[in-house]
Structures are given as C-alpha cells and as structure tokens.
C-alpha cells in the first residue's frame, strides 16, 4: 500500500523522529534511545517515513544513518501555506484593531 506524506506525519512518534533527524542524521539505535518503545517499533516508523520519502538513508560502514529529505517536506509546507496566510492576515487584523483602540480611532 502506497502511503502519502500526510499519513506518515499523522503519527506522533513519526513526527518526533522527523524532529530529531531535522537537526542531525541518526542511526536507528540512536533514534530508539529517545522512545519508550522497542527498536523494532521505531524501525517500523522509520520504514514508513522512508517509504514516503521523508527520510533518506546513507550507509556508513556498518551503520545506516537517516537524514531528513527536505524536498519531500515541501509538500507539507505547500499544503499548509494557505492556512499560514489566513493566520497571518487575521493576526494583522488583530494588531490593527489593537493599535486603533490605543490611539482611539
């Protein structure tokens, strides 16, 4: 079954993995240390993220390091962009209202 990026980020553990890997490449064992679940469970989450191309792997000796694939994260950012614009517009309207109430306009 082909999953999309939104199914991948629907799970809080997978979002936490993405947050950890955003700062540095990590091995599955290093990732597993951050969770109260088994290494196998973490590996299943990594597999889903890799299948959705949110992670890419790099072999270094005997270790596999996972890196975030920023290009695939763009699909999420593009989907969120209209909502971000609405939020910014509403915050600007609130700022304007507050500024006008201070000046008595």
Foldseek 3Di string as FASTA:
>chain_A
DQDAVVVLVPDPLSVVVLVVQAVHWDFLVVSCVVDPDDSVVSVVSVVNCVSNVQWDWDDDPPTITIHGDVVSCVVVVVVCVVVVVVVVVVVVVVVVVVVCVVVVD
